[in-house]
């Protein structure tokens, strides 16, 4: 997963679901696009779900691992 802010202030986010049947796969991308579009200065937002590379716990931030008791 990553977020990129382009020169013309559009934002592209790629999200990697943690499982093929991830329940938020349908509603989450439009919700994230709407929230990002509300940020001052953003001219457009695009959110894509990607399956490559496959998600793994190593993609989690240290803060997320700590919150989930994985450390």
Protein backbone atom coordinates (compact mmCIF):
# COMPACT_ATOMS: atom_id res chain seq x y z
CA UNK A 1 0.00 0.00 0.00
CA UNK A 2 1.18 3.52 -0.68
CA UNK A 3 0.01 7.08 -1.11
CA UNK A 4 1.42 9.44 -3.76
CA UNK A 5 0.74 13.18 -4.02
CA UNK A 6 1.33 14.42 -7.54
CA UNK A 7 2.48 17.87 -8.70
CA UNK A 8 -1.02 18.99 -9.55
CA UNK A 9 -2.18 18.04 -6.03
CA UNK A 10 -4.04 14.89 -6.95
CA UNK A 11 -3.62 11.96 -4.60
CA UNK A 12 -3.37 8.32 -5.60
CA UNK A 13 -3.58 5.61 -2.96
CA UNK A 14 -3.09 1.90 -3.49
CA UNK A 15 -4.45 -0.41 -0.83
CA UNK A 16 -3.48 -4.05 -0.49
CA UNK A 17 -6.28 -6.09 1.13
CA UNK A 18 -5.18 -8.52 3.82
CA UNK A 19 -7.39 -11.32 2.44
CA UNK A 20 -9.13 -12.12 -0.86
CA UNK A 21 -12.58 -11.96 0.76
CA UNK A 22 -11.78 -8.75 2.68
CA UNK A 23 -15.23 -7.38 3.64
CA UNK A 24 -14.23 -3.71 3.27
CA UNK A 25 -13.00 -4.17 -0.32
CA UNK A 26 -16.24 -2.74 -1.71
CA UNK A 27 -17.06 0.24 0.51
CA UNK A 28 -13.58 1.33 1.61
CA UNK A 29 -12.07 2.74 -1.62
CA UNK A 30 -14.91 5.25 -2.26
CA UNK A 31 -14.88 6.23 1.42
CA UNK A 32 -11.11 6.88 1.36
CA UNK A 33 -11.44 8.84 -1.92
CA UNK A 34 -14.12 11.06 -0.34
CA UNK A 35 -12.06 11.71 2.80
CA UNK A 36 -8.88 12.50 0.84
CA UNK A 37 -10.82 14.84 -1.45
CA UNK A 38 -11.81 16.88 1.64
CA UNK A 39 -8.18 17.71 2.46
CA UNK A 40 -7.42 21.35 1.71
CA UNK A 41 -5.52 21.74 -1.55
CA UNK A 42 -6.29 18.29 -2.95
CA UNK A 43 -7.73 18.53 -6.45
CA UNK A 44 -8.57 14.85 -7.00
CA UNK A 45 -8.22 11.48 -5.31
CA UNK A 46 -8.02 7.96 -6.68
CA UNK A 47 -7.95 4.78 -4.62
CA UNK A 48 -7.16 1.41 -6.15
CA UNK A 49 -7.12 -2.03 -4.57
CA UNK A 50 -4.05 -4.01 -5.59
CA UNK A 51 -3.25 -7.66 -5.00
CA UNK A 52 0.43 -7.61 -5.85
CA UNK A 53 2.47 -7.77 -3.75
CA UNK A 54 0.32 -9.93 -1.47
CA UNK A 55 -0.25 -8.46 1.96
CA UNK A 56 1.83 -9.74 4.86
CA UNK A 57 2.31 -8.57 8.47
CA UNK A 58 5.67 -7.05 7.52
CA UNK A 59 3.74 -4.29 5.74
CA UNK A 60 2.34 -3.05 9.05
CA UNK A 61 3.85 -0.03 10.75
CA UNK A 62 5.53 -0.46 14.11
CA UNK A 63 2.68 1.54 15.68
CA UNK A 64 0.07 -0.84 14.20
CA UNK A 65 1.97 -3.89 15.44
CA UNK A 66 2.25 -2.36 18.90
CA UNK A 67 -1.49 -1.52 18.96
CA UNK A 68 -2.35 -5.12 18.08
CA UNK A 69 0.06 -6.57 20.63
CA UNK A 70 2.32 -8.09 17.99
CA UNK A 71 5.54 -6.78 19.56
